[in-house]
Every structure is written in C-alpha cells, then in structure tokens.
PDB file of N, CA and C in Angstrom:
ATOM      1  N   MET A   1    -141.938 108.518-166.267  1.00  0.00           N
ATOM      2  CA  MET A   1    -142.511 107.348-166.928  1.00  0.00           C
ATOM      3  C   MET A   1    -142.082 106.101-166.160  1.00  0.00           C
ATOM      4  N   ILE A   2    -142.956 105.168-166.087  1.00  0.00           N
ATOM      5  CA  ILE A   2    -142.672 103.899-165.422  1.00  0.00           C
ATOM      6  C   ILE A   2    -141.660 103.102-166.253  1.00  0.00           C
ATOM      7  N   SER A   3    -140.827 102.322-165.586  1.00  0.00           N
ATOM      8  CA  SER A   3    -139.770 101.593-166.289  1.00  0.00           C
ATOM      9  C   SER A   3    -140.214 100.184-166.682  1.00  0.00           C
ATOM     10  N   HIS A   4    -139.467  99.605-167.597  1.00  0.00           N
ATOM     11  CA  HIS A   4    -139.671  98.229-168.051  1.00  0.00           C
ATOM     12  C   HIS A   4    -139.631  97.293-166.839  1.00  0.00           C
ATOM     13  N   ARG A   5    -138.672  97.491-165.949  1.00  0.00           N
ATOM     14  CA  ARG A   5    -138.520  96.653-164.754  1.00  0.00           C
ATOM     15  C   ARG A   5    -139.759  96.757-163.865  1.00  0.00           C
ATOM     16  N   GLN A   6    -140.270  97.963-163.659  1.00  0.00           N
ATOM     17  CA  GLN A   6    -141.438  98.159-162.808  1.00  0.00           C
ATOM     18  C   GLN A   6    -142.673  97.463-163.386  1.00  0.00           C
ATOM     19  N   ILE A   7    -142.849  97.542-164.688  1.00  0.00           N
ATOM     20  CA  ILE A   7    -143.973  96.865-165.345  1.00  0.00           C
ATOM     21  C   ILE A   7    -143.840  95.358-165.162  1.00  0.00           C
ATOM     22  N   SER A   8    -142.638  94.822-165.369  1.00  0.00           N
ATOM     23  CA  SER A   8    -142.405  93.384-165.210  1.00  0.00           C
ATOM     24  C   SER A   8    -142.706  92.934-163.788  1.00  0.00           C
ATOM     25  N   GLU A   9    -142.337  93.740-162.795  1.00  0.00           N
ATOM     26  CA  GLU A   9    -142.619  93.415-161.400  1.00  0.00           C
ATOM     27  C   GLU A   9    -144.123  93.399-161.129  1.00  0.00           C
ATOM     28  N   LEU A  10    -144.855  94.355-161.676  1.00  0.00           N
ATOM     29  CA  LEU A  10    -146.300  94.392-161.502  1.00  0.00           C
ATOM     30  C   LEU A  10    -146.961  93.171-162.139  1.00  0.00           C
ATOM     31  N   LYS A  11    -146.503  92.797-163.322  1.00  0.00           N
ATOM     32  CA  LYS A  11    -147.067  91.643-164.016  1.00  0.00           C
ATOM     33  C   LYS A  11    -146.793  90.339-163.275  1.00  0.00           C
ATOM     34  N   ALA A  12    -145.695  90.272-162.543  1.00  0.00           N
ATOM     35  CA  ALA A  12    -145.305  89.042-161.838  1.00  0.00           C
ATOM     36  C   ALA A  12    -146.128  88.799-160.580  1.00  0.00           C
ATOM     37  N   LYS A  13    -146.810  89.809-160.082  1.00  0.00           N
ATOM     38  CA  LYS A  13    -147.618  89.662-158.871  1.00  0.00           C
ATOM     39  C   LYS A  13    -148.876  88.843-159.172  1.00  0.00           C
ATOM     40  N   PRO A  14    -149.435  88.171-158.138  1.00  0.00           N
ATOM     41  CA  PRO A  14    -150.704  87.463-158.333  1.00  0.00           C
ATOM     42  C   PRO A  14    -151.763  88.434-158.870  1.00  0.00           C
ATOM     43  N   ALA A  15    -152.559  87.943-159.790  1.00  0.00           N
ATOM     44  CA  ALA A  15    -153.579  88.786-160.443  1.00  0.00           C
ATOM     45  C   ALA A  15    -152.923  90.021-161.047  1.00  0.00           C
ATOM     46  N   GLY A  16    -151.787  89.816-161.710  1.00  0.00           N
ATOM     47  CA  GLY A  16    -151.003  90.916-162.260  1.00  0.00           C
ATOM     48  C   GLY A  16    -151.549  91.502-163.537  1.00  0.00           C
ATOM     49  N   GLU A  17    -152.837  91.750-163.572  1.00  0.00           N
ATOM     50  CA  GLU A  17    -153.460  92.355-164.736  1.00  0.00           C
ATOM     51  C   GLU A  17    -153.252  93.861-164.703  1.00  0.00           C
ATOM     52  N   LEU A  18    -152.813  94.416-165.796  1.00  0.00           N
ATOM     53  CA  LEU A  18    -152.648  95.861-165.912  1.00  0.00           C
ATOM     54  C   LEU A  18    -153.687  96.381-166.887  1.00  0.00           C
ATOM     55  N   GLN A  19    -154.294  97.499-166.558  1.00  0.00           N
ATOM     56  CA  GLN A  19    -155.291  98.093-167.442  1.00  0.00           C
ATOM     57  C   GLN A  19    -154.847  99.487-167.831  1.00  0.00           C
ATOM     58  N   VAL A  20    -155.050  99.809-169.088  1.00  0.00           N
ATOM     59  CA  VAL A  20    -154.736 101.139-169.601  1.00  0.00           C
ATOM     60  C   VAL A  20    -156.020 101.696-170.193  1.00  0.00           C
ATOM     61  N   HIS A  21    -156.420 102.841-169.710  1.00  0.00           N
ATOM     62  CA  HIS A  21    -157.640 103.479-170.198  1.00  0.00           C
ATOM     63  C   HIS A  21    -157.283 104.773-170.916  1.00  0.00           C
ATOM     64  N   GLY A  22    -157.405 104.774-172.232  1.00  0.00           N
ATOM     65  CA  GLY A  22    -157.286 106.000-173.002  1.00  0.00           C
ATOM     66  C   GLY A  22    -155.897 106.582-173.161  1.00  0.00           C
ATOM     67  N   SER A  23    -154.854 105.775-173.190  1.00  0.00           N
ATOM     68  CA  SER A  23    -153.508 106.309-173.396  1.00  0.00           C
ATOM     69  C   SER A  23    -152.828 105.560-174.533  1.00  0.00           C
ATOM     70  N   ARG A  24    -153.033 106.058-175.737  1.00  0.00           N
ATOM     71  CA  ARG A  24    -152.438 105.445-176.918  1.00  0.00           C
ATOM     72  C   ARG A  24    -150.923 105.390-176.803  1.00  0.00           C
ATOM     73  N   SER A  25    -150.305 106.441-176.287  1.00  0.00           N
ATOM     74  CA  SER A  25    -148.842 106.472-176.196  1.00  0.00           C
ATOM     75  C   SER A  25    -148.318 105.419-175.219  1.00  0.00           C
ATOM     76  N   LEU A  26    -149.015 105.187-174.102  1.00  0.00           N
ATOM     77  CA  LEU A  26    -148.592 104.156-173.155  1.00  0.00           C
ATOM     78  C   LEU A  26    -148.764 102.769-173.766  1.00  0.00           C
ATOM     79  N   VAL A  27    -149.880 102.532-174.450  1.00  0.00           N
ATOM     80  CA  VAL A  27    -150.094 101.232-175.090  1.00  0.00           C
ATOM     81  C   VAL A  27    -149.004 100.959-176.121  1.00  0.00           C
ATOM     82  N   ARG A  28    -148.673 101.951-176.924  1.00  0.00           N
ATOM     83  CA  ARG A  28    -147.595 101.772-177.918  1.00  0.00           C
ATOM     84  C   ARG A  28    -146.265 101.476-177.230  1.00  0.00           C
ATOM     85  N   TRP A  29    -145.972 102.174-176.120  1.00  0.00           N
ATOM     86  CA  TRP A  29    -144.730 101.947-175.391  1.00  0.00           C
ATOM     87  C   TRP A  29    -144.686 100.521-174.861  1.00  0.00           C
ATOM     88  N   LEU A  30    -145.792 100.036-174.296  1.00  0.00           N
ATOM     89  CA  LEU A  30    -145.858  98.669-173.777  1.00  0.00           C
ATOM     90  C   LEU A  30    -145.643  97.649-174.895  1.00  0.00           C
ATOM     91  N   PHE A  31    -146.253  97.878-176.062  1.00  0.00           N
ATOM     92  CA  PHE A  31    -146.045  96.983-177.205  1.00  0.00           C
ATOM     93  C   PHE A  31    -144.592  97.011-177.661  1.00  0.00           C
ATOM     94  N   ASP A  32    -144.019  98.205-177.761  1.00  0.00           N
ATOM     95  CA  ASP A  32    -142.620  98.336-178.204  1.00  0.00           C
ATOM     96  C   ASP A  32    -141.660  97.595-177.284  1.00  0.00           C
ATOM     97  N   LYS A  33    -141.950  97.581-175.987  1.00  0.00           N
ATOM     98  CA  LYS A  33    -141.098  96.902-175.000  1.00  0.00           C
ATOM     99  C   LYS A  33    -141.467  95.431-174.837  1.00  0.00           C
ATOM    100  N   GLN A  34    -142.412  94.956-175.650  1.00  0.00           N
ATOM    101  CA  GLN A  34    -142.883  93.565-175.617  1.00  0.00           C
ATOM    102  C   GLN A  34    -143.393  93.176-174.228  1.00  0.00           C
ATOM    103  N   LEU A  35    -144.159  94.065-173.616  1.00  0.00           N
ATOM    104  CA  LEU A  35    -144.713  93.835-172.291  1.00  0.00           C
ATOM    105  C   LEU A  35    -146.199  93.486-172.324  1.00  0.00           C
ATOM    106  N   VAL A  36    -146.758  93.320-173.510  1.00  0.00           N
ATOM    107  CA  VAL A  36    -148.173  92.997-173.647  1.00  0.00           C
ATOM    108  C   VAL A  36    -148.317  91.518-173.981  1.00  0.00           C
ATOM    109  N   ASP A  37    -149.034  90.792-173.106  1.00  0.00           N
ATOM    110  CA  ASP A  37    -149.307  89.375-173.341  1.00  0.00           C
ATOM    111  C   ASP A  37    -150.687  89.189-173.958  1.00  0.00           C
ATOM    112  N   GLU A  38    -151.604  90.033-173.565  1.00  0.00           N
ATOM    113  CA  GLU A  38    -152.992  89.920-174.003  1.00  0.00           C
ATOM    114  C   GLU A  38    -153.596  91.311-174.015  1.00  0.00           C
ATOM    115  N   ILE A  39    -154.489  91.558-174.957  1.00  0.00           N
ATOM    116  CA  ILE A  39    -155.146  92.858-175.017  1.00  0.00           C
ATOM    117  C   ILE A  39    -156.644  92.654-175.199  1.00  0.00           C
ATOM    118  N   THR A  40    -157.409  93.344-174.391  1.00  0.00           N
ATOM    119  CA  THR A  40    -158.856  93.402-174.568  1.00  0.00           C
ATOM    120  C   THR A  40    -159.151  94.816-175.021  1.00  0.00           C
ATOM    121  N   LEU A  41    -159.558  94.949-176.251  1.00  0.00           N
ATOM    122  CA  LEU A  41    -159.738  96.264-176.852  1.00  0.00           C
ATOM    123  C   LEU A  41    -161.219  96.548-177.014  1.00  0.00           C
ATOM    124  N   LEU A  42    -161.694  97.556-176.313  1.00  0.00           N
ATOM    125  CA  LEU A  42    -163.078  97.992-176.440  1.00  0.00           C
ATOM    126  C   LEU A  42    -163.090  99.260-177.272  1.00  0.00           C
ATOM    127  N   THR A  43    -163.864  99.265-178.322  1.00  0.00           N
ATOM    128  CA  THR A  43    -163.930 100.451-179.173  1.00  0.00           C
ATOM    129  C   THR A  43    -165.362 100.960-179.236  1.00  0.00           C
ATOM    130  N   TYR A  44    -165.476 102.244-179.238  1.00  0.00           N
ATOM    131  CA  TYR A  44    -166.749 102.920-179.391  1.00  0.00           C
ATOM    132  C   TYR A  44    -166.561 103.927-180.514  1.00  0.00           C
ATOM    133  N   PRO A  45    -166.791 103.483-181.752  1.00  0.00           N
ATOM    134  CA  PRO A  45    -166.469 104.336-182.896  1.00  0.00           C
ATOM    135  C   PRO A  45    -167.290 105.620-182.939  1.00  0.00           C
ATOM    136  N   VAL A  46    -166.587 106.715-183.044  1.00  0.00           N
ATOM    137  CA  VAL A  46    -167.186 108.028-183.199  1.00  0.00           C
ATOM    138  C   VAL A  46    -166.351 108.752-184.244  1.00  0.00           C
ATOM    139  N   VAL A  47    -166.996 109.321-185.224  1.00  0.00           N
ATOM    140  CA  VAL A  47    -166.275 110.023-186.278  1.00  0.00           C
ATOM    141  C   VAL A  47    -166.066 111.470-185.845  1.00  0.00           C
ATOM    142  N   VAL A  48    -164.796 111.809-185.579  1.00  0.00           N
ATOM    143  CA  VAL A  48    -164.440 113.163-185.172  1.00  0.00           C
ATOM    144  C   VAL A  48    -163.118 113.499-185.843  1.00  0.00           C
ATOM    145  N   GLY A  49    -163.112 113.749-187.112  1.00  0.00           N
ATOM    146  CA  GLY A  49    -161.868 114.037-187.824  1.00  0.00           C
ATOM    147  C   GLY A  49    -161.106 112.766-188.148  1.00  0.00           C
ATOM    148  N   GLN A  50    -159.794 112.895-188.277  1.00  0.00           N
ATOM    149  CA  GLN A  50    -158.972 111.775-188.706  1.00  0.00           C
ATOM    150  C   GLN A  50    -158.524 110.884-187.561  1.00  0.00           C
ATOM    151  N   GLY A  51    -158.261 111.435-186.412  1.00  0.00           N
ATOM    152  CA  GLY A  51    -157.816 110.618-185.286  1.00  0.00           C
ATOM    153  C   GLY A  51    -156.385 110.151-185.433  1.00  0.00           C
ATOM    154  N   THR A  52    -155.944 109.349-184.488  1.00  0.00           N
ATOM    155  CA  THR A  52    -154.582 108.815-184.464  1.00  0.00           C
ATOM    156  C   THR A  52    -154.667 107.308-184.360  1.00  0.00           C
ATOM    157  N   ARG A  53    -153.815 106.616-185.115  1.00  0.00           N
ATOM    158  CA  ARG A  53    -153.823 105.162-185.122  1.00  0.00           C
ATOM    159  C   ARG A  53    -153.288 104.600-183.804  1.00  0.00           C
ATOM    160  N   LEU A  54    -153.923 103.547-183.296  1.00  0.00           N
ATOM    161  CA  LEU A  54    -153.425 102.864-182.110  1.00  0.00           C
ATOM    162  C   LEU A  54    -152.225 102.008-182.483  1.00  0.00           C
ATOM    163  N   PHE A  55    -152.321 101.286-183.594  1.00  0.00           N
ATOM    164  CA  PHE A  55    -151.246 100.421-184.058  1.00  0.00           C
ATOM    165  C   PHE A  55    -150.568 101.099-185.251  1.00  0.00           C
ATOM    166  N   PRO A  56    -149.276 101.398-185.149  1.00  0.00           N
ATOM    167  CA  PRO A  56    -148.583 102.125-186.218  1.00  0.00           C
ATOM    168  C   PRO A  56    -148.392 101.275-187.471  1.00  0.00           C
ATOM    169  N   ASP A  57    -148.192 101.959-188.599  1.00  0.00           N
ATOM    170  CA  ASP A  57    -147.939 101.281-189.874  1.00  0.00           C
ATOM    171  C   ASP A  57    -146.526 100.720-189.955  1.00  0.00           C
ATOM    172  N   THR A  58    -145.619 101.258-189.161  1.00  0.00           N
ATOM    173  CA  THR A  58    -144.225 100.828-189.211  1.00  0.00           C
ATOM    174  C   THR A  58    -143.811 100.259-187.863  1.00  0.00           C
ATOM    175  N   GLY A  59    -142.652  99.619-187.832  1.00  0.00           N
ATOM    176  CA  GLY A  59    -142.141  99.063-186.585  1.00  0.00           C
ATOM    177  C   GLY A  59    -142.292  97.562-186.543  1.00  0.00           C
ATOM    178  N   ARG A  60    -142.103  97.007-185.358  1.00  0.00           N
ATOM    179  CA  ARG A  60    -142.161  95.562-185.153  1.00  0.00           C
ATOM    180  C   ARG A  60    -143.564  95.045-185.417  1.00  0.00           C
ATOM    181  N   ASP A  61    -143.656  93.935-186.145  1.00  0.00           N
ATOM    182  CA  ASP A  61    -144.932  93.297-186.415  1.00  0.00           C
ATOM    183  C   ASP A  61    -145.216  92.298-185.305  1.00  0.00           C
ATOM    184  N   SER A  62    -146.240  92.566-184.499  1.00  0.00           N
ATOM    185  CA  SER A  62    -146.517  91.692-183.363  1.00  0.00           C
ATOM    186  C   SER A  62    -147.446  90.539-183.722  1.00  0.00           C
ATOM    187  N   ALA A  63    -148.125  90.608-184.854  1.00  0.00           N
ATOM    188  CA  ALA A  63    -149.025  89.559-185.330  1.00  0.00           C
ATOM    189  C   ALA A  63    -149.959  89.043-184.235  1.00  0.00           C
ATOM    190  N   PRO A  64    -150.802  89.913-183.663  1.00  0.00           N
ATOM    191  CA  PRO A  64    -151.709  89.448-182.622  1.00  0.00           C
ATOM    192  C   PRO A  64    -152.726  88.451-183.166  1.00  0.00           C
ATOM    193  N   GLU A  65    -153.186  87.568-182.313  1.00  0.00           N
ATOM    194  CA  GLU A  65    -154.163  86.553-182.674  1.00  0.00           C
ATOM    195  C   GLU A  65    -155.518  86.926-182.065  1.00  0.00           C
ATOM    196  N   LEU A  66    -156.543  87.030-182.899  1.00  0.00           N
ATOM    197  CA  LEU A  66    -157.886  87.326-182.405  1.00  0.00           C
ATOM    198  C   LEU A  66    -158.448  86.070-181.752  1.00  0.00           C
ATOM    199  N   VAL A  67    -158.787  86.165-180.484  1.00  0.00           N
ATOM    200  CA  VAL A  67    -159.310  85.033-179.744  1.00  0.00           C
ATOM    201  C   VAL A  67    -160.832  85.089-179.658  1.00  0.00           C
ATOM    202  N   HIS A  68    -161.381  86.297-179.521  1.00  0.00           N
ATOM    203  CA  HIS A  68    -162.824  86.435-179.341  1.00  0.00           C
ATOM    204  C   HIS A  68    -163.238  87.834-179.763  1.00  0.00           C
ATOM    205  N   SER A  69    -164.420  87.943-180.325  1.00  0.00           N
ATOM    206  CA  SER A  69    -164.986  89.263-180.612  1.00  0.00           C
ATOM    207  C   SER A  69    -166.505  89.197-180.482  1.00  0.00           C
ATOM    208  N   ARG A  70    -167.108  90.321-180.170  1.00  0.00           N
ATOM    209  CA  ARG A  70    -168.567  90.386-180.099  1.00  0.00           C
ATOM    210  C   ARG A  70    -169.002  91.822-180.292  1.00  0.00           C
ATOM    211  N   SER A  71    -170.221  91.990-180.751  1.00  0.00           N
ATOM    212  CA  SER A  71    -170.812  93.313-180.930  1.00  0.00           C
ATOM    213  C   SER A  71    -171.887  93.523-179.870  1.00  0.00           C
ATOM    214  N   THR A  72    -172.149  94.770-179.579  1.00  0.00           N
ATOM    215  CA  THR A  72    -173.225  95.084-178.656  1.00  0.00           C
ATOM    216  C   THR A  72    -174.568  94.883-179.352  1.00  0.00           C
ATOM    217  N   ARG A  73    -175.633  94.907-178.606  1.00  0.00           N
ATOM    218  CA  ARG A  73    -176.967  94.724-179.201  1.00  0.00           C
ATOM    219  C   ARG A  73    -177.238  95.775-180.255  1.00  0.00           C
ATOM    220  N   GLY A  74    -176.729  96.972-180.052  1.00  0.00           N
ATOM    221  CA  GLY A  74    -176.971  98.060-181.006  1.00  0.00           C
ATOM    222  C   GLY A  74    -176.066  97.989-182.229  1.00  0.00           C
ATOM    223  N   GLY A  75    -175.168  96.996-182.255  1.00  0.00           N
ATOM    224  CA  GLY A  75    -174.306  96.807-183.404  1.00  0.00           C
ATOM    225  C   GLY A  75    -172.996  97.474-183.248  1.00  0.00           C
TER     226      GLY A  75
END
C-alpha cells in the first residue's frame, strides 16, 4: 500500500491531481488520513443488491461542502 508520505509528495507536485477509479477502500483510506482536498464523485446508479457504502456511518465527520452538481440529459 502506498504511504501517507508518498501521497503527500504526489499532491505537492505541479498538477498534483490524484484520481481513484473504483476503489472504495482506497478512497476511505485517503479520507481517514485526511489526504482528500476535493472530490469529484461520478455515480451511475444501478440496483444490484445492497452494495457497500462509500462513506461510513461511523468515524470522523468530514462535513464535505457541495460546490456543484448536475444530472445527465437522461436524468
């Protein structure tokens, strides 16, 4: 697993944007280590059982601020 120090070094570089595609456990780890400054969350809802929550019910409350949202033409 990548370390807190390595993530901080990547973020410090010019255009230090990090993208995570499809890894709930990595996103939770980044939030737990307070390494997330901004999140762009794209969701494509599909009902396939119960699923797993991205944001847990317990733990640190990060109180994210919604800056922008939009729906696709199909809703």
